[in-house]
């Protein structure tokens, strides 16, 4: 394993936001007497706003008033994440501290809108660990397209193949692997499918495990 930078997804990977967001989406659906379709919801994880809209419209059909649902969801979501710290996932601080102590530049590549991402990272006390933040509103093509990862690597001035990428979702993994990054998947709400497992990346269930692997690799070198 040869790397010069590390790039992280945010929701479901650094922050335990996916369960929070899922619950809020269910509340928004209930407030409008719309059924909660879990399979549709799980397919939006890792996508940017355009991708989310496309999946929800396709899943719910043409009778759905998407702007009304989106507004009900957005208001509830912002009321939580813009004012309360989302819990940090296990192993995050230890891994980021180790990377910082070893002078490995780090970045976030998240589908979340920039203003919300900044608030989330700040409230969680993680913002100072990262050299740059690349968000879904800055790219034309969201995950699973690799554009966001390529932009994050370019901002770090590191070749993509020299970057580690950390993701929880299958859409994010497709993006990172397509960018030719050395990809770790730490599943959250969505487990890797059989198709995803053929991509050849590393699947583990804790960033603490990732840190142990990186430490071992560093000692061997």
C-alpha atoms as a PDB file:
ATOM      1  CA  UNK A   1       0.000   0.000   0.000  1.00  0.00           C
ATOM      2  CA  UNK A   2       1.551   3.236  -1.216  1.00  0.00           C
ATOM      3  CA  UNK A   3      -0.349   6.449  -0.507  1.00  0.00           C
ATOM      4  CA  UNK A   4       0.251  10.168  -0.074  1.00  0.00           C
ATOM      5  CA  UNK A   5      -3.205  11.437   0.921  1.00  0.00           C
ATOM      6  CA  UNK A   6      -6.512  10.302   2.405  1.00  0.00           C
ATOM      7  CA  UNK A   7      -9.975  11.386   1.237  1.00  0.00           C
ATOM      8  CA  UNK A   8     -13.104  10.766   3.303  1.00  0.00           C
ATOM      9  CA  UNK A   9     -16.814  10.681   2.681  1.00  0.00           C
ATOM     10  CA  UNK A  10     -18.694  12.373   5.525  1.00  0.00           C
ATOM     11  CA  UNK A  11     -22.223  11.129   6.251  1.00  0.00           C
ATOM     12  CA  UNK A  12     -22.311   7.566   7.509  1.00  0.00           C
ATOM     13  CA  UNK A  13     -18.516   7.408   7.467  1.00  0.00           C
ATOM     14  CA  UNK A  14     -17.209  10.209   9.686  1.00  0.00           C
ATOM     15  CA  UNK A  15     -20.563  11.126  11.202  1.00  0.00           C
ATOM     16  CA  UNK A  16     -23.421   8.875  12.292  1.00  0.00           C
ATOM     17  CA  UNK A  17     -25.914  10.864  10.233  1.00  0.00           C
ATOM     18  CA  UNK A  18     -27.577   8.230   8.063  1.00  0.00           C
ATOM     19  CA  UNK A  19     -29.927   6.961  10.768  1.00  0.00           C
ATOM     20  CA  UNK A  20     -30.791  10.533  11.720  1.00  0.00           C
ATOM     21  CA  UNK A  21     -31.531  11.449   8.113  1.00  0.00           C
ATOM     22  CA  UNK A  22     -33.577   8.307   7.510  1.00  0.00           C
ATOM     23  CA  UNK A  23     -35.744   9.029  10.545  1.00  0.00           C
ATOM     24  CA  UNK A  24     -36.309  12.608   9.451  1.00  0.00           C
ATOM     25  CA  UNK A  25     -37.266  11.495   5.927  1.00  0.00           C
ATOM     26  CA  UNK A  26     -39.829   9.096   7.437  1.00  0.00           C
ATOM     27  CA  UNK A  27     -41.258  11.971   9.499  1.00  0.00           C
ATOM     28  CA  UNK A  28     -41.526  14.159   6.400  1.00  0.00           C
ATOM     29  CA  UNK A  29     -43.312  11.391   4.499  1.00  0.00           C
ATOM     30  CA  UNK A  30     -45.744  10.829   7.387  1.00  0.00           C
ATOM     31  CA  UNK A  31     -46.508  14.554   7.618  1.00  0.00           C
ATOM     32  CA  UNK A  32     -47.642  14.464   3.977  1.00  0.00           C
ATOM     33  CA  UNK A  33     -49.356  11.041   4.171  1.00  0.00           C
ATOM     34  CA  UNK A  34     -46.759   9.610   1.780  1.00  0.00           C
ATOM     35  CA  UNK A  35     -45.553   6.020   2.318  1.00  0.00           C
ATOM     36  CA  UNK A  36     -41.959   5.513   3.382  1.00  0.00           C
ATOM     37  CA  UNK A  37     -40.286   3.304   0.766  1.00  0.00           C
ATOM     38  CA  UNK A  38     -37.138   2.027   2.435  1.00  0.00           C
ATOM     39  CA  UNK A  39     -35.611   0.482  -0.697  1.00  0.00           C
ATOM     40  CA  UNK A  40     -35.903   3.833  -2.493  1.00  0.00           C
ATOM     41  CA  UNK A  41     -34.446   5.669   0.479  1.00  0.00           C
ATOM     42  CA  UNK A  42     -31.428   3.362   0.756  1.00  0.00           C
ATOM     43  CA  UNK A  43     -30.651   3.923  -2.929  1.00  0.00           C
ATOM     44  CA  UNK A  44     -30.205   7.689  -2.397  1.00  0.00           C
ATOM     45  CA  UNK A  45     -27.413   7.247   0.150  1.00  0.00           C
ATOM     46  CA  UNK A  46     -24.158   8.710  -1.149  1.00  0.00           C
ATOM     47  CA  UNK A  47     -25.793  10.719  -3.940  1.00  0.00           C
ATOM     48  CA  UNK A  48     -25.883  14.501  -4.370  1.00  0.00           C
ATOM     49  CA  UNK A  49     -29.093  16.545  -4.491  1.00  0.00           C
ATOM     50  CA  UNK A  50     -29.692  15.953  -8.200  1.00  0.00           C
ATOM     51  CA  UNK A  51     -29.145  12.217  -7.829  1.00  0.00           C
ATOM     52  CA  UNK A  52     -31.429  12.059  -4.793  1.00  0.00           C
ATOM     53  CA  UNK A  53     -34.241  13.799  -6.662  1.00  0.00           C
ATOM     54  CA  UNK A  54     -33.871  11.490  -9.654  1.00  0.00           C
ATOM     55  CA  UNK A  55     -34.035   8.327  -7.513  1.00  0.00           C
ATOM     56  CA  UNK A  56     -36.979   9.515  -5.391  1.00  0.00           C
ATOM     57  CA  UNK A  57     -39.000  10.634  -8.408  1.00  0.00           C
ATOM     58  CA  UNK A  58     -38.377   7.303 -10.134  1.00  0.00           C
ATOM     59  CA  UNK A  59     -39.207   5.316  -7.013  1.00  0.00           C
ATOM     60  CA  UNK A  60     -42.352   7.186  -6.001  1.00  0.00           C
ATOM     61  CA  UNK A  61     -43.775   7.814  -9.447  1.00  0.00           C
ATOM     62  CA  UNK A  62     -45.072  10.820 -11.304  1.00  0.00           C
ATOM     63  CA  UNK A  63     -47.833  11.581  -8.796  1.00  0.00           C
ATOM     64  CA  UNK A  64     -45.289  12.629  -6.178  1.00  0.00           C
ATOM     65  CA  UNK A  65     -44.996  16.368  -5.527  1.00  0.00           C
ATOM     66  CA  UNK A  66     -41.244  16.253  -5.008  1.00  0.00           C
ATOM     67  CA  UNK A  67     -40.697  19.949  -4.142  1.00  0.00           C
ATOM     68  CA  UNK A  68     -43.214  19.689  -1.295  1.00  0.00           C
ATOM     69  CA  UNK A  69     -41.638  16.485   0.081  1.00  0.00           C
ATOM     70  CA  UNK A  70     -38.142  17.912  -0.287  1.00  0.00           C
ATOM     71  CA  UNK A  71     -39.063  21.093   1.585  1.00  0.00           C
ATOM     72  CA  UNK A  72     -40.690  19.164   4.441  1.00  0.00           C
ATOM     73  CA  UNK A  73     -37.605  16.974   4.670  1.00  0.00           C
ATOM     74  CA  UNK A  74     -35.115  19.845   4.378  1.00  0.00           C
ATOM     75  CA  UNK A  75     -36.719  21.978   7.089  1.00  0.00           C
ATOM     76  CA  UNK A  76     -36.712  19.107   9.584  1.00  0.00           C
ATOM     77  CA  UNK A  77     -33.195  18.021   8.666  1.00  0.00           C
ATOM     78  CA  UNK A  78     -31.640  21.476   8.916  1.00  0.00           C
ATOM     79  CA  UNK A  79     -33.342  22.069  12.254  1.00  0.00           C
ATOM     80  CA  UNK A  80     -31.348  19.136  13.599  1.00  0.00           C
ATOM     81  CA  UNK A  81     -27.947  19.115  11.858  1.00  0.00           C
ATOM     82  CA  UNK A  82     -27.416  22.886  11.750  1.00  0.00           C
ATOM     83  CA  UNK A  83     -27.839  23.225  15.503  1.00  0.00           C
ATOM     84  CA  UNK A  84     -26.785  19.931  17.092  1.00  0.00           C
ATOM     85  CA  UNK A  85     -23.552  17.952  16.771  1.00  0.00           C
ATOM     86  CA  UNK A  86     -24.006  14.630  15.020  1.00  0.00           C
ATOM     87  CA  UNK A  87     -22.148  11.807  16.823  1.00  0.00           C
ATOM     88  CA  UNK A  88     -18.737  10.937  15.400  1.00  0.00           C
ATOM     89  CA  UNK A  89     -18.281   7.321  14.292  1.00  0.00           C
ATOM     90  CA  UNK A  90     -15.943   4.980  16.153  1.00  0.00           C
ATOM     91  CA  UNK A  91     -12.266   5.308  15.274  1.00  0.00           C
ATOM     92  CA  UNK A  92     -12.605   8.574  13.360  1.00  0.00           C
ATOM     93  CA  UNK A  93     -10.646  10.875  15.689  1.00  0.00           C
ATOM     94  CA  UNK A  94      -7.905   8.302  16.251  1.00  0.00           C
ATOM     95  CA  UNK A  95      -7.425   7.741  12.505  1.00  0.00           C
ATOM     96  CA  UNK A  96      -7.461  11.444  11.640  1.00  0.00           C
ATOM     97  CA  UNK A  97      -5.021  12.203  14.444  1.00  0.00           C
ATOM     98  CA  UNK A  98      -2.643   9.486  13.244  1.00  0.00           C
ATOM     99  CA  UNK A  99      -2.764  10.761   9.664  1.00  0.00           C
ATOM    100  CA  UNK A 100      -2.141  14.322  10.838  1.00  0.00           C
ATOM    101  CA  UNK A 101       0.797  13.228  13.019  1.00  0.00           C
ATOM    102  CA  UNK A 102       2.277  11.442  10.004  1.00  0.00           C
ATOM    103  CA  UNK A 103       1.851  14.495   7.741  1.00  0.00           C
ATOM    104  CA  UNK A 104      -0.647  12.791   5.427  1.00  0.00           C
ATOM    105  CA  UNK A 105      -2.902  15.440   3.836  1.00  0.00           C
ATOM    106  CA  UNK A 106      -6.620  14.778   4.168  1.00  0.00           C
ATOM    107  CA  UNK A 107      -9.801  15.941   2.491  1.00  0.00           C
ATOM    108  CA  UNK A 108     -13.543  15.410   2.614  1.00  0.00           C
ATOM    109  CA  UNK A 109     -15.481  14.500  -0.540  1.00  0.00           C
ATOM    110  CA  UNK A 110     -19.158  14.631   0.388  1.00  0.00           C
ATOM    111  CA  UNK A 111     -22.355  14.820  -1.615  1.00  0.00           C
ATOM    112  CA  UNK A 112     -23.775  17.192   1.016  1.00  0.00           C
ATOM    113  CA  UNK A 113     -24.203  20.887   0.185  1.00  0.00           C
ATOM    114  CA  UNK A 114     -21.169  22.956   1.186  1.00  0.00           C
ATOM    115  CA  UNK A 115     -22.801  25.173   3.816  1.00  0.00           C
ATOM    116  CA  UNK A 116     -24.362  22.199   5.617  1.00  0.00           C
ATOM    117  CA  UNK A 117     -21.164  20.140   5.404  1.00  0.00           C
ATOM    118  CA  UNK A 118     -19.127  22.934   6.992  1.00  0.00           C
ATOM    119  CA  UNK A 119     -21.581  23.241   9.870  1.00  0.00           C
ATOM    120  CA  UNK A 120     -21.693  19.486  10.466  1.00  0.00           C
ATOM    121  CA  UNK A 121     -17.906  19.155  10.577  1.00  0.00           C
ATOM    122  CA  UNK A 122     -17.539  22.213  12.794  1.00  0.00           C
ATOM    123  CA  UNK A 123     -20.192  21.113  15.304  1.00  0.00           C
ATOM    124  CA  UNK A 124     -18.607  17.662  15.442  1.00  0.00           C
ATOM    125  CA  UNK A 125     -15.165  19.184  16.079  1.00  0.00           C
ATOM    126  CA  UNK A 126     -13.623  17.608  12.966  1.00  0.00           C
ATOM    127  CA  UNK A 127     -13.155  20.575  10.634  1.00  0.00           C
ATOM    128  CA  UNK A 128      -9.566  21.307  11.690  1.00  0.00           C
ATOM    129  CA  UNK A 129      -8.355  17.892  10.541  1.00  0.00           C
ATOM    130  CA  UNK A 130      -8.934  18.497   6.829  1.00  0.00           C
ATOM    131  CA  UNK A 131      -6.906  20.366   4.235  1.00  0.00           C
ATOM    132  CA  UNK A 132      -9.895  20.875   1.950  1.00  0.00           C
ATOM    133  CA  UNK A 133     -13.589  20.189   1.578  1.00  0.00           C
ATOM    134  CA  UNK A 134     -15.146  19.190  -1.744  1.00  0.00           C
ATOM    135  CA  UNK A 135     -18.930  19.022  -1.883  1.00  0.00           C
ATOM    136  CA  UNK A 136     -21.733  17.863  -4.132  1.00  0.00           C
ATOM    137  CA  UNK A 137     -22.656  21.375  -5.237  1.00  0.00           C
ATOM    138  CA  UNK A 138     -19.199  21.804  -6.797  1.00  0.00           C
ATOM    139  CA  UNK A 139     -19.434  18.981  -9.338  1.00  0.00           C
ATOM    140  CA  UNK A 140     -21.662  18.364 -12.326  1.00  0.00           C
ATOM    141  CA  UNK A 141     -21.847  14.609 -11.805  1.00  0.00           C
ATOM    142  CA  UNK A 142     -22.421  13.247  -8.308  1.00  0.00           C
ATOM    143  CA  UNK A 143     -21.446   9.880  -6.902  1.00  0.00           C
ATOM    144  CA  UNK A 144     -21.271   7.151  -8.245  1.00  0.00           C
ATOM    145  CA  UNK A 145     -19.429   9.267 -10.829  1.00  0.00           C
ATOM    146  CA  UNK A 146     -15.760   9.778  -9.788  1.00  0.00           C
ATOM    147  CA  UNK A 147     -15.761  13.547 -10.436  1.00  0.00           C
ATOM    148  CA  UNK A 148     -15.909  14.599  -6.773  1.00  0.00           C
ATOM    149  CA  UNK A 149     -12.965  12.367  -5.835  1.00  0.00           C
ATOM    150  CA  UNK A 150     -10.895  13.552  -8.771  1.00  0.00           C
ATOM    151  CA  UNK A 151     -11.541  17.174  -7.805  1.00  0.00           C
ATOM    152  CA  UNK A 152     -10.606  16.513  -4.167  1.00  0.00           C
ATOM    153  CA  UNK A 153      -7.339  14.851  -5.236  1.00  0.00           C
ATOM    154  CA  UNK A 154      -6.554  17.705  -7.610  1.00  0.00           C
ATOM    155  CA  UNK A 155      -7.008  20.218  -4.791  1.00  0.00           C
ATOM    156  CA  UNK A 156      -4.561  18.214  -2.672  1.00  0.00           C
ATOM    157  CA  UNK A 157      -2.190  18.110  -5.675  1.00  0.00           C
ATOM    158  CA  UNK A 158      -1.922  14.335  -5.312  1.00  0.00           C
ATOM    159  CA  UNK A 159      -2.494  11.789  -8.086  1.00  0.00           C
ATOM    160  CA  UNK A 160      -5.745   9.829  -7.522  1.00  0.00           C
ATOM    161  CA  UNK A 161      -3.969   6.469  -7.451  1.00  0.00           C
ATOM    162  CA  UNK A 162      -1.848   7.776  -4.561  1.00  0.00           C
ATOM    163  CA  UNK A 163      -4.953   8.524  -2.475  1.00  0.00           C
ATOM    164  CA  UNK A 164      -6.747   6.384   0.055  1.00  0.00           C
ATOM    165  CA  UNK A 165     -10.534   6.762  -0.123  1.00  0.00           C
ATOM    166  CA  UNK A 166     -12.962   5.947   2.676  1.00  0.00           C
ATOM    167  CA  UNK A 167     -16.651   5.311   2.018  1.00  0.00           C
ATOM    168  CA  UNK A 168     -19.669   3.654   3.584  1.00  0.00           C
ATOM    169  CA  UNK A 169     -22.110   3.531   0.658  1.00  0.00           C
ATOM    170  CA  UNK A 170     -22.032   1.489  -2.523  1.00  0.00           C
ATOM    171  CA  UNK A 171     -22.511   4.635  -4.607  1.00  0.00           C
ATOM    172  CA  UNK A 172     -19.495   6.199  -2.926  1.00  0.00           C
ATOM    173  CA  UNK A 173     -17.383   3.099  -3.429  1.00  0.00           C
ATOM    174  CA  UNK A 174     -18.172   3.071  -7.135  1.00  0.00           C
ATOM    175  CA  UNK A 175     -17.020   6.701  -7.318  1.00  0.00           C
ATOM    176  CA  UNK A 176     -13.772   6.127  -5.428  1.00  0.00           C
ATOM    177  CA  UNK A 177     -12.848   2.945  -7.300  1.00  0.00           C
ATOM    178  CA  UNK A 178     -13.631   4.625 -10.630  1.00  0.00           C
ATOM    179  CA  UNK A 179     -11.218   7.383  -9.608  1.00  0.00           C
ATOM    180  CA  UNK A 180      -8.523   4.682  -9.218  1.00  0.00           C
ATOM    181  CA  UNK A 181      -8.160   5.286  -5.498  1.00  0.00           C
ATOM    182  CA  UNK A 182      -7.181   2.695  -2.902  1.00  0.00           C
ATOM    183  CA  UNK A 183     -10.642   2.308  -1.434  1.00  0.00           C
ATOM    184  CA  UNK A 184     -11.860   1.176   1.978  1.00  0.00           C
ATOM    185  CA  UNK A 185     -15.565   0.563   2.561  1.00  0.00           C
ATOM    186  CA  UNK A 186     -16.931   0.738   6.092  1.00  0.00           C
ATOM    187  CA  UNK A 187     -20.620  -0.152   5.581  1.00  0.00           C
ATOM    188  CA  UNK A 188     -23.300   1.711   7.525  1.00  0.00           C
ATOM    189  CA  UNK A 189     -26.989   1.345   6.592  1.00  0.00           C
ATOM    190  CA  UNK A 190     -26.260  -0.308   3.248  1.00  0.00           C
ATOM    191  CA  UNK A 191     -24.236  -3.510   2.937  1.00  0.00           C
ATOM    192  CA  UNK A 192     -22.029  -4.075  -0.125  1.00  0.00           C
ATOM    193  CA  UNK A 193     -23.802  -5.971  -2.879  1.00  0.00           C
ATOM    194  CA  UNK A 194     -22.296  -8.954  -4.688  1.00  0.00           C
ATOM    195  CA  UNK A 195     -21.553  -6.628  -7.609  1.00  0.00           C
ATOM    196  CA  UNK A 196     -19.764  -4.132  -5.362  1.00  0.00           C
ATOM    197  CA  UNK A 197     -17.645  -6.872  -3.805  1.00  0.00           C
ATOM    198  CA  UNK A 198     -16.197  -7.671  -7.244  1.00  0.00           C
ATOM    199  CA  UNK A 199     -14.550  -4.220  -7.396  1.00  0.00           C
ATOM    200  CA  UNK A 200     -11.572  -5.422  -5.376  1.00  0.00           C
ATOM    201  CA  UNK A 201     -11.588  -2.786  -2.640  1.00  0.00           C
ATOM    202  CA  UNK A 202     -11.182  -3.475   1.084  1.00  0.00           C
ATOM    203  CA  UNK A 203     -14.308  -3.951   3.198  1.00  0.00           C
ATOM    204  CA  UNK A 204     -14.032  -3.621   6.965  1.00  0.00           C
ATOM    205  CA  UNK A 205     -16.457  -2.632   9.703  1.00  0.00           C
ATOM    206  CA  UNK A 206     -14.566   0.005  11.677  1.00  0.00           C
ATOM    207  CA  UNK A 207     -12.162   2.839  11.017  1.00  0.00           C
ATOM    208  CA  UNK A 208     -10.250   1.463  14.000  1.00  0.00           C
ATOM    209  CA  UNK A 209      -9.527  -1.588  11.850  1.00  0.00           C
ATOM    210  CA  UNK A 210      -8.318   0.716   9.093  1.00  0.00           C
ATOM    211  CA  UNK A 211      -5.961   2.464  11.499  1.00  0.00           C
ATOM    212  CA  UNK A 212      -4.527  -0.873  12.638  1.00  0.00           C
ATOM    213  CA  UNK A 213      -3.923  -1.821   8.998  1.00  0.00           C
ATOM    214  CA  UNK A 214      -2.206   1.483   8.197  1.00  0.00           C
ATOM    215  CA  UNK A 215      -0.015   1.257  11.293  1.00  0.00           C
ATOM    216  CA  UNK A 216       1.000  -2.285  10.398  1.00  0.00           C
ATOM    217  CA  UNK A 217       1.796  -1.249   6.838  1.00  0.00           C
ATOM    218  CA  UNK A 218       3.837   1.697   8.070  1.00  0.00           C
ATOM    219  CA  UNK A 219       5.893  -0.500  10.410  1.00  0.00           C
ATOM    220  CA  UNK A 220       6.522  -3.040   7.638  1.00  0.00           C
ATOM    221  CA  UNK A 221       7.776  -0.289   5.358  1.00  0.00           C
END
